[in-house]
Amino acid sequence: MTPQSPVKQFPVNMNFPTEVNGRTLDNYTDWIAGSFLVTLMSLPAGSAPAGLTSEGLPTGIQVVGPRFEEPLILSAMKFLQLAHPIGWPPH
């Protein structure tokens, strides 16, 4: 399990965050490298809700597993979602 993203939600009109922990980011894949590397390794993965930030924004956990273990990943994601329900966004 890893964080789904290294940053909290950012405005929809931003292509990507320009900085993470004081490090300047040059392109889109710099900020999402953790998830991108899982894809490059051809590992199955999925994201599940992990709670809300202090601003009420959703956060997620990425569940990564061995090849052909999608049922295990889906079970872990279901457990996480039940353990950390975030509900529906306000209207």
PDB file of N, CA and C in Angstrom:
ATOM      1  N   MET A   1       0.834  -1.161   0.000  1.00  0.00           N
ATOM      2  CA  MET A   1       0.000   0.000   0.000  1.00  0.00           C
ATOM      3  C   MET A   1       0.886   1.233   0.000  1.00  0.00           C
ATOM      4  N   THR A   2       0.466   2.208  -0.786  1.00  0.00           N
ATOM      5  CA  THR A   2       1.168   3.486  -0.896  1.00  0.00           C
ATOM      6  C   THR A   2       0.134   4.600  -0.975  1.00  0.00           C
ATOM      7  N   PRO A   3       0.550   5.838  -0.718  1.00  0.00           N
ATOM      8  CA  PRO A   3      -0.392   6.929  -0.964  1.00  0.00           C
ATOM      9  C   PRO A   3      -0.783   6.931  -2.443  1.00  0.00           C
ATOM     10  N   GLN A   4      -2.014   7.252  -2.723  1.00  0.00           N
ATOM     11  CA  GLN A   4      -2.466   7.314  -4.111  1.00  0.00           C
ATOM     12  C   GLN A   4      -1.810   8.488  -4.817  1.00  0.00           C
ATOM     13  N   SER A   5      -1.545   9.549  -4.081  1.00  0.00           N
ATOM     14  CA  SER A   5      -0.939  10.751  -4.638  1.00  0.00           C
ATOM     15  C   SER A   5      -0.080  11.404  -3.557  1.00  0.00           C
ATOM     16  N   PRO A   6       1.048  12.009  -3.943  1.00  0.00           N
ATOM     17  CA  PRO A   6       1.901  12.655  -2.942  1.00  0.00           C
ATOM     18  C   PRO A   6       1.422  14.051  -2.536  1.00  0.00           C
ATOM     19  N   VAL A   7       0.352  14.528  -3.161  1.00  0.00           N
ATOM     20  CA  VAL A   7      -0.159  15.863  -2.859  1.00  0.00           C
ATOM     21  C   VAL A   7      -1.663  15.805  -2.649  1.00  0.00           C
ATOM     22  N   LYS A   8      -2.203  16.820  -1.934  1.00  0.00           N
ATOM     23  CA  LYS A   8      -3.651  16.893  -1.799  1.00  0.00           C
ATOM     24  C   LYS A   8      -4.242  17.373  -3.130  1.00  0.00           C
ATOM     25  N   GLN A   9      -5.541  17.302  -3.233  1.00  0.00           N
ATOM     26  CA  GLN A   9      -6.216  17.734  -4.459  1.00  0.00           C
ATOM     27  C   GLN A   9      -5.811  19.155  -4.808  1.00  0.00           C
ATOM     28  N   PHE A  10      -5.632  19.400  -6.109  1.00  0.00           N
ATOM     29  CA  PHE A  10      -5.284  20.748  -6.556  1.00  0.00           C
ATOM     30  C   PHE A  10      -6.358  21.225  -7.537  1.00  0.00           C
ATOM     31  N   PRO A  11      -6.410  22.529  -7.807  1.00  0.00           N
ATOM     32  CA  PRO A  11      -7.471  23.066  -8.661  1.00  0.00           C
ATOM     33  C   PRO A  11      -7.520  22.381 -10.035  1.00  0.00           C
ATOM     34  N   VAL A  12      -8.714  22.212 -10.531  1.00  0.00           N
ATOM     35  CA  VAL A  12      -8.926  21.513 -11.800  1.00  0.00           C
ATOM     36  C   VAL A  12      -8.258  22.236 -12.973  1.00  0.00           C
ATOM     37  N   ASN A  13      -8.039  23.534 -12.856  1.00  0.00           N
ATOM     38  CA  ASN A  13      -7.417  24.266 -13.958  1.00  0.00           C
ATOM     39  C   ASN A  13      -5.892  24.171 -13.962  1.00  0.00           C
ATOM     40  N   MET A  14      -5.308  23.476 -12.968  1.00  0.00           N
ATOM     41  CA  MET A  14      -3.855  23.218 -12.956  1.00  0.00           C
ATOM     42  C   MET A  14      -3.593  21.888 -13.646  1.00  0.00           C
ATOM     43  N   ASN A  15      -2.586  21.837 -14.517  1.00  0.00           N
ATOM     44  CA  ASN A  15      -2.222  20.571 -15.147  1.00  0.00           C
ATOM     45  C   ASN A  15      -1.584  19.613 -14.156  1.00  0.00           C
ATOM     46  N   PHE A  16      -0.752  20.156 -13.265  1.00  0.00           N
ATOM     47  CA  PHE A  16      -0.091  19.366 -12.235  1.00  0.00           C
ATOM     48  C   PHE A  16       0.484  20.326 -11.206  1.00  0.00           C
ATOM     49  N   PRO A  17       0.740  19.849  -9.990  1.00  0.00           N
ATOM     50  CA  PRO A  17       1.357  20.729  -9.001  1.00  0.00           C
ATOM     51  C   PRO A  17       2.778  21.082  -9.421  1.00  0.00           C
ATOM     52  N   THR A  18       3.225  22.261  -9.077  1.00  0.00           N
ATOM     53  CA  THR A  18       4.558  22.705  -9.495  1.00  0.00           C
ATOM     54  C   THR A  18       5.631  22.417  -8.458  1.00  0.00           C
ATOM     55  N   GLU A  19       5.199  21.991  -7.246  1.00  0.00           N
ATOM     56  CA  GLU A  19       6.163  21.742  -6.185  1.00  0.00           C
ATOM     57  C   GLU A  19       5.607  20.714  -5.199  1.00  0.00           C
ATOM     58  N   VAL A  20       6.475  19.810  -4.737  1.00  0.00           N
ATOM     59  CA  VAL A  20       6.124  18.856  -3.691  1.00  0.00           C
ATOM     60  C   VAL A  20       7.258  18.869  -2.673  1.00  0.00           C
ATOM     61  N   ASN A  21       6.930  19.209  -1.423  1.00  0.00           N
ATOM     62  CA  ASN A  21       7.923  19.262  -0.344  1.00  0.00           C
ATOM     63  C   ASN A  21       9.154  20.088  -0.708  1.00  0.00           C
ATOM     64  N   GLY A  22       8.935  21.225  -1.367  1.00  0.00           N
ATOM     65  CA  GLY A  22      10.031  22.114  -1.723  1.00  0.00           C
ATOM     66  C   GLY A  22      10.769  21.737  -2.992  1.00  0.00           C
ATOM     67  N   ARG A  23      10.411  20.631  -3.607  1.00  0.00           N
ATOM     68  CA  ARG A  23      11.073  20.183  -4.846  1.00  0.00           C
ATOM     69  C   ARG A  23      10.252  20.643  -6.043  1.00  0.00           C
ATOM     70  N   THR A  24      10.874  21.359  -6.965  1.00  0.00           N
ATOM     71  CA  THR A  24      10.202  21.839  -8.163  1.00  0.00           C
ATOM     72  C   THR A  24       9.952  20.678  -9.111  1.00  0.00           C
ATOM     73  N   LEU A  25       8.759  20.642  -9.665  1.00  0.00           N
ATOM     74  CA  LEU A  25       8.376  19.599 -10.611  1.00  0.00           C
ATOM     75  C   LEU A  25       8.353  20.170 -12.018  1.00  0.00           C
ATOM     76  N   ASP A  26       8.946  19.439 -12.962  1.00  0.00           N
ATOM     77  CA  ASP A  26       9.055  19.936 -14.335  1.00  0.00           C
ATOM     78  C   ASP A  26       7.934  19.456 -15.245  1.00  0.00           C
ATOM     79  N   ASN A  27       7.325  18.312 -14.924  1.00  0.00           N
ATOM     80  CA  ASN A  27       6.299  17.790 -15.818  1.00  0.00           C
ATOM     81  C   ASN A  27       5.284  16.960 -15.034  1.00  0.00           C
ATOM     82  N   TYR A  28       4.286  16.502 -15.754  1.00  0.00           N
ATOM     83  CA  TYR A  28       3.175  15.774 -15.154  1.00  0.00           C
ATOM     84  C   TYR A  28       3.629  14.507 -14.441  1.00  0.00           C
ATOM     85  N   THR A  29       4.500  13.732 -15.051  1.00  0.00           N
ATOM     86  CA  THR A  29       4.879  12.452 -14.456  1.00  0.00           C
ATOM     87  C   THR A  29       5.749  12.603 -13.212  1.00  0.00           C
ATOM     88  N   ASP A  30       6.377  13.770 -13.011  1.00  0.00           N
ATOM     89  CA  ASP A  30       7.177  13.970 -11.803  1.00  0.00           C
ATOM     90  C   ASP A  30       6.339  13.855 -10.541  1.00  0.00           C
ATOM     91  N   TRP A  31       5.125  14.398 -10.550  1.00  0.00           N
ATOM     92  CA  TRP A  31       4.320  14.413  -9.323  1.00  0.00           C
ATOM     93  C   TRP A  31       3.604  13.098  -9.080  1.00  0.00           C
ATOM     94  N   ILE A  32       3.414  12.296 -10.091  1.00  0.00           N
ATOM     95  CA  ILE A  32       2.665  11.046  -9.955  1.00  0.00           C
ATOM     96  C   ILE A  32       3.578   9.830 -10.168  1.00  0.00           C
ATOM     97  N   ALA A  33       4.876  10.020  -9.971  1.00  0.00           N
ATOM     98  CA  ALA A  33       5.864   8.983 -10.267  1.00  0.00           C
ATOM     99  C   ALA A  33       5.576   7.660  -9.567  1.00  0.00           C
ATOM    100  N   GLY A  34       5.126   7.700  -8.313  1.00  0.00           N
ATOM    101  CA  GLY A  34       4.862   6.441  -7.594  1.00  0.00           C
ATOM    102  C   GLY A  34       3.827   5.579  -8.298  1.00  0.00           C
ATOM    103  N   SER A  35       2.726   6.167  -8.692  1.00  0.00           N
ATOM    104  CA  SER A  35       1.694   5.418  -9.415  1.00  0.00           C
ATOM    105  C   SER A  35       2.173   5.022 -10.797  1.00  0.00           C
ATOM    106  N   PHE A  36       2.908   5.907 -11.437  1.00  0.00           N
ATOM    107  CA  PHE A  36       3.416   5.652 -12.783  1.00  0.00           C
ATOM    108  C   PHE A  36       4.378   4.463 -12.797  1.00  0.00           C
ATOM    109  N   LEU A  37       5.224   4.356 -11.782  1.00  0.00           N
ATOM    110  CA  LEU A  37       6.179   3.242 -11.720  1.00  0.00           C
ATOM    111  C   LEU A  37       5.466   1.903 -11.561  1.00  0.00           C
ATOM    112  N   VAL A  38       4.370   1.875 -10.823  1.00  0.00           N
ATOM    113  CA  VAL A  38       3.590   0.646 -10.675  1.00  0.00           C
ATOM    114  C   VAL A  38       3.080   0.200 -12.044  1.00  0.00           C
ATOM    115  N   THR A  39       2.606   1.151 -12.836  1.00  0.00           N
ATOM    116  CA  THR A  39       2.132   0.844 -14.184  1.00  0.00           C
ATOM    117  C   THR A  39       3.262   0.319 -15.056  1.00  0.00           C
ATOM    118  N   LEU A  40       4.427   0.954 -14.984  1.00  0.00           N
ATOM    119  CA  LEU A  40       5.570   0.509 -15.792  1.00  0.00           C
ATOM    120  C   LEU A  40       5.996  -0.916 -15.437  1.00  0.00           C
ATOM    121  N   MET A  41       5.805  -1.308 -14.180  1.00  0.00           N
ATOM    122  CA  MET A  41       6.182  -2.655 -13.751  1.00  0.00           C
ATOM    123  C   MET A  41       5.098  -3.682 -14.063  1.00  0.00           C
ATOM    124  N   SER A  42       3.984  -3.232 -14.651  1.00  0.00           N
ATOM    125  CA  SER A  42       2.857  -4.110 -15.028  1.00  0.00           C
ATOM    126  C   SER A  42       2.238  -4.817 -13.824  1.00  0.00           C
ATOM    127  N   LEU A  43       2.196  -4.126 -12.693  1.00  0.00           N
ATOM    128  CA  LEU A  43       1.580  -4.702 -11.505  1.00  0.00           C
ATOM    129  C   LEU A  43       0.133  -4.237 -11.402  1.00  0.00           C
ATOM    130  N   PRO A  44      -0.774  -5.103 -10.991  1.00  0.00           N
ATOM    131  CA  PRO A  44      -2.153  -4.668 -10.804  1.00  0.00           C
ATOM    132  C   PRO A  44      -2.259  -3.798  -9.555  1.00  0.00           C
ATOM    133  N   ALA A  45      -3.098  -2.788  -9.652  1.00  0.00           N
ATOM    134  CA  ALA A  45      -3.271  -1.866  -8.527  1.00  0.00           C
ATOM    135  C   ALA A  45      -4.631  -1.196  -8.623  1.00  0.00           C
ATOM    136  N   GLY A  46      -5.060  -0.646  -7.521  1.00  0.00           N
ATOM    137  CA  GLY A  46      -6.299   0.121  -7.478  1.00  0.00           C
ATOM    138  C   GLY A  46      -6.221   1.104  -6.333  1.00  0.00           C
ATOM    139  N   SER A  47      -7.100   2.086  -6.354  1.00  0.00           N
ATOM    140  CA  SER A  47      -7.127   3.099  -5.302  1.00  0.00           C
ATOM    141  C   SER A  47      -8.427   3.002  -4.513  1.00  0.00           C
ATOM    142  N   ALA A  48      -8.311   3.237  -3.228  1.00  0.00           N
ATOM    143  CA  ALA A  48      -9.472   3.210  -2.344  1.00  0.00           C
ATOM    144  C   ALA A  48      -9.459   4.470  -1.481  1.00  0.00           C
ATOM    145  N   PRO A  49     -10.636   4.938  -1.055  1.00  0.00           N
ATOM    146  CA  PRO A  49     -10.680   6.101  -0.171  1.00  0.00           C
ATOM    147  C   PRO A  49      -9.938   5.825   1.135  1.00  0.00           C
ATOM    148  N   ALA A  50      -9.257   6.863   1.635  1.00  0.00           N
ATOM    149  CA  ALA A  50      -8.515   6.711   2.887  1.00  0.00           C
ATOM    150  C   ALA A  50      -8.931   7.723   3.932  1.00  0.00           C
ATOM    151  N   GLY A  51      -9.856   8.587   3.611  1.00  0.00           N
ATOM    152  CA  GLY A  51     -10.296   9.605   4.549  1.00  0.00           C
ATOM    153  C   GLY A  51     -10.354  10.958   3.885  1.00  0.00           C
ATOM    154  N   LEU A  52     -10.424  11.985   4.718  1.00  0.00           N
ATOM    155  CA  LEU A  52     -10.523  13.353   4.229  1.00  0.00           C
ATOM    156  C   LEU A  52      -9.420  14.209   4.831  1.00  0.00           C
ATOM    157  N   THR A  53      -8.973  15.208   4.075  1.00  0.00           N
ATOM    158  CA  THR A  53      -8.003  16.167   4.598  1.00  0.00           C
ATOM    159  C   THR A  53      -8.708  17.107   5.563  1.00  0.00           C
ATOM    160  N   SER A  54      -7.956  17.975   6.209  1.00  0.00           N
ATOM    161  CA  SER A  54      -8.558  18.957   7.116  1.00  0.00           C
ATOM    162  C   SER A  54      -9.477  19.916   6.371  1.00  0.00           C
ATOM    163  N   GLU A  55      -9.284  20.035   5.054  1.00  0.00           N
ATOM    164  CA  GLU A  55     -10.151  20.880   4.228  1.00  0.00           C
ATOM    165  C   GLU A  55     -11.384  20.126   3.731  1.00  0.00           C
ATOM    166  N   GLY A  56     -11.491  18.832   4.079  1.00  0.00           N
ATOM    167  CA  GLY A  56     -12.631  18.030   3.640  1.00  0.00           C
ATOM    168  C   GLY A  56     -12.469  17.414   2.273  1.00  0.00           C
ATOM    169  N   LEU A  57     -11.243  17.419   1.734  1.00  0.00           N
ATOM    170  CA  LEU A  57     -10.982  16.821   0.416  1.00  0.00           C
ATOM    171  C   LEU A  57     -10.622  15.345   0.577  1.00  0.00           C
ATOM    172  N   PRO A  58     -11.018  14.502  -0.374  1.00  0.00           N
ATOM    173  CA  PRO A  58     -10.729  13.072  -0.257  1.00  0.00           C
ATOM    174  C   PRO A  58      -9.251  12.754  -0.460  1.00  0.00           C
ATOM    175  N   THR A  59      -8.803  11.737   0.245  1.00  0.00           N
ATOM    176  CA  THR A  59      -7.456  11.193   0.044  1.00  0.00           C
ATOM    177  C   THR A  59      -7.601   9.710  -0.285  1.00  0.00           C
ATOM    178  N   GLY A  60      -6.555   9.139  -0.869  1.00  0.00           N
ATOM    179  CA  GLY A  60      -6.654   7.740  -1.269  1.00  0.00           C
ATOM    180  C   GLY A  60      -5.397   6.946  -0.995  1.00  0.00           C
ATOM    181  N   ILE A  61      -5.577   5.643  -0.931  1.00  0.00           N
ATOM    182  CA  ILE A  61      -4.473   4.697  -0.782  1.00  0.00           C
ATOM    183  C   ILE A  61      -4.445   3.832  -2.037  1.00  0.00           C
ATOM    184  N   GLN A  62      -3.249   3.634  -2.574  1.00  0.00           N
ATOM    185  CA  GLN A  62      -3.080   2.756  -3.721  1.00  0.00           C
ATOM    186  C   GLN A  62      -2.686   1.378  -3.207  1.00  0.00           C
ATOM    187  N   VAL A  63      -3.449   0.385  -3.597  1.00  0.00           N
ATOM    188  CA  VAL A  63      -3.172  -1.002  -3.205  1.00  0.00           C
ATOM    189  C   VAL A  63      -2.524  -1.689  -4.407  1.00  0.00           C
ATOM    190  N   VAL A  64      -1.303  -2.164  -4.224  1.00  0.00           N
ATOM    191  CA  VAL A  64      -0.540  -2.821  -5.292  1.00  0.00           C
ATOM    192  C   VAL A  64      -0.337  -4.271  -4.900  1.00  0.00           C
ATOM    193  N   GLY A  65      -0.454  -5.168  -5.848  1.00  0.00           N
ATOM    194  CA  GLY A  65      -0.281  -6.583  -5.552  1.00  0.00           C
ATOM    195  C   GLY A  65       0.511  -7.306  -6.621  1.00  0.00           C
ATOM    196  N   PRO A  66       0.765  -8.573  -6.380  1.00  0.00           N
ATOM    197  CA  PRO A  66       1.472  -9.373  -7.379  1.00  0.00           C
ATOM    198  C   PRO A  66       0.587  -9.618  -8.602  1.00  0.00           C
ATOM    199  N   ARG A  67       1.220  -9.967  -9.676  1.00  0.00           N
ATOM    200  CA  ARG A  67       0.477 -10.264 -10.904  1.00  0.00           C
ATOM    201  C   ARG A  67      -0.559 -11.349 -10.656  1.00  0.00           C
ATOM    202  N   PHE A  68      -1.705 -11.165 -11.298  1.00  0.00           N
ATOM    203  CA  PHE A  68      -2.827 -12.109 -11.267  1.00  0.00           C
ATOM    204  C   PHE A  68      -3.485 -12.219  -9.893  1.00  0.00           C
ATOM    205  N   GLU A  69      -3.266 -11.236  -9.019  1.00  0.00           N
ATOM    206  CA  GLU A  69      -3.884 -11.244  -7.691  1.00  0.00           C
ATOM    207  C   GLU A  69      -4.920 -10.136  -7.544  1.00  0.00           C
ATOM    208  N   GLU A  70      -5.644  -9.871  -8.624  1.00  0.00           N
ATOM    209  CA  GLU A  70      -6.672  -8.837  -8.585  1.00  0.00           C
ATOM    210  C   GLU A  70      -7.725  -9.098  -7.508  1.00  0.00           C
ATOM    211  N   PRO A  71      -8.166 -10.346  -7.294  1.00  0.00           N
ATOM    212  CA  PRO A  71      -9.147 -10.566  -6.218  1.00  0.00           C
ATOM    213  C   PRO A  71      -8.623 -10.131  -4.846  1.00  0.00           C
ATOM    214  N   LEU A  72      -7.369 -10.359  -4.571  1.00  0.00           N
ATOM    215  CA  LEU A  72      -6.766  -9.932  -3.311  1.00  0.00           C
ATOM    216  C   LEU A  72      -6.766  -8.403  -3.209  1.00  0.00           C
ATOM    217  N   ILE A  73      -6.401  -7.734  -4.286  1.00  0.00           N
ATOM    218  CA  ILE A  73      -6.367  -6.270  -4.305  1.00  0.00           C
ATOM    219  C   ILE A  73      -7.769  -5.702  -4.100  1.00  0.00           C
ATOM    220  N   LEU A  74      -8.742  -6.260  -4.804  1.00  0.00           N
ATOM    221  CA  LEU A  74     -10.115  -5.785  -4.667  1.00  0.00           C
ATOM    222  C   LEU A  74     -10.647  -6.009  -3.251  1.00  0.00           C
ATOM    223  N   SER A  75     -10.290  -7.128  -2.637  1.00  0.00           N
ATOM    224  CA  SER A  75     -10.704  -7.393  -1.249  1.00  0.00           C
ATOM    225  C   SER A  75     -10.099  -6.372  -0.292  1.00  0.00           C
ATOM    226  N   ALA A  76      -8.823  -6.067  -0.479  1.00  0.00           N
ATOM    227  CA  ALA A  76      -8.161  -5.072   0.373  1.00  0.00           C
ATOM    228  C   ALA A  76      -8.791  -3.700   0.173  1.00  0.00           C
ATOM    229  N   MET A  77      -9.118  -3.355  -1.070  1.00  0.00           N
ATOM    230  CA  MET A  77      -9.748  -2.071  -1.344  1.00  0.00           C
ATOM    231  C   MET A  77     -11.126  -1.981  -0.700  1.00  0.00           C
ATOM    232  N   LYS A  78     -11.886  -3.070  -0.738  1.00  0.00           N
ATOM    233  CA  LYS A  78     -13.208  -3.076  -0.111  1.00  0.00           C
ATOM    234  C   LYS A  78     -13.082  -2.889   1.398  1.00  0.00           C
ATOM    235  N   PHE A  79     -12.132  -3.579   2.009  1.00  0.00           N
ATOM    236  CA  PHE A  79     -11.900  -3.437   3.447  1.00  0.00           C
ATOM    237  C   PHE A  79     -11.550  -1.991   3.792  1.00  0.00           C
ATOM    238  N   LEU A  80     -10.649  -1.383   3.011  1.00  0.00           N
ATOM    239  CA  LEU A  80     -10.252   0.003   3.264  1.00  0.00           C
ATOM    240  C   LEU A  80     -11.437   0.954   3.128  1.00  0.00           C
ATOM    241  N   GLN A  81     -12.245   0.734   2.105  1.00  0.00           N
ATOM    242  CA  GLN A  81     -13.398   1.604   1.893  1.00  0.00           C
ATOM    243  C   GLN A  81     -14.402   1.487   3.043  1.00  0.00           C
ATOM    244  N   LEU A  82     -14.608   0.275   3.537  1.00  0.00           N
ATOM    245  CA  LEU A  82     -15.514   0.082   4.665  1.00  0.00           C
ATOM    246  C   LEU A  82     -14.940   0.665   5.954  1.00  0.00           C
ATOM    247  N   ALA A  83     -13.624   0.568   6.121  1.00  0.00           N
ATOM    248  CA  ALA A  83     -12.971   1.067   7.327  1.00  0.00           C
ATOM    249  C   ALA A  83     -12.870   2.592   7.349  1.00  0.00           C
ATOM    250  N   HIS A  84     -12.836   3.220   6.173  1.00  0.00           N
ATOM    251  CA  HIS A  84     -12.671   4.671   6.061  1.00  0.00           C
ATOM    252  C   HIS A  84     -13.704   5.269   5.114  1.00  0.00           C
ATOM    253  N   PRO A  85     -14.981   5.143   5.440  1.00  0.00           N
ATOM    254  CA  PRO A  85     -15.995   5.703   4.537  1.00  0.00           C
ATOM    255  C   PRO A  85     -15.907   7.231   4.496  1.00  0.00           C
ATOM    256  N   ILE A  86     -15.971   7.786   3.301  1.00  0.00           N
ATOM    257  CA  ILE A  86     -15.910   9.237   3.193  1.00  0.00           C
ATOM    258  C   ILE A  86     -17.265   9.845   2.814  1.00  0.00           C
ATOM    259  N   GLY A  87     -18.219   9.014   2.468  1.00  0.00           N
ATOM    260  CA  GLY A  87     -19.539   9.509   2.125  1.00  0.00           C
ATOM    261  C   GLY A  87     -19.562  10.206   0.782  1.00  0.00           C
ATOM    262  N   TRP A  88     -20.702  10.799   0.502  1.00  0.00           N
ATOM    263  CA  TRP A  88     -20.885  11.525  -0.756  1.00  0.00           C
ATOM    264  C   TRP A  88     -20.515  12.983  -0.578  1.00  0.00           C
ATOM    265  N   PRO A  89     -20.031  13.646  -1.639  1.00  0.00           N
ATOM    266  CA  PRO A  89     -19.709  15.068  -1.507  1.00  0.00           C
ATOM    267  C   PRO A  89     -20.959  15.884  -1.237  1.00  0.00           C
ATOM    268  N   PRO A  90     -20.812  17.029  -0.561  1.00  0.00           N
ATOM    269  CA  PRO A  90     -21.980  17.871  -0.307  1.00  0.00           C
ATOM    270  C   PRO A  90     -22.528  18.428  -1.622  1.00  0.00           C
ATOM    271  N   HIS A  91     -23.823  18.698  -1.644  1.00  0.00           N
ATOM    272  CA  HIS A  91     -24.459  19.201  -2.854  1.00  0.00           C
ATOM    273  C   HIS A  91     -24.112  20.640  -3.094  1.00  0.00           C
TER     274      HIS A  91
END
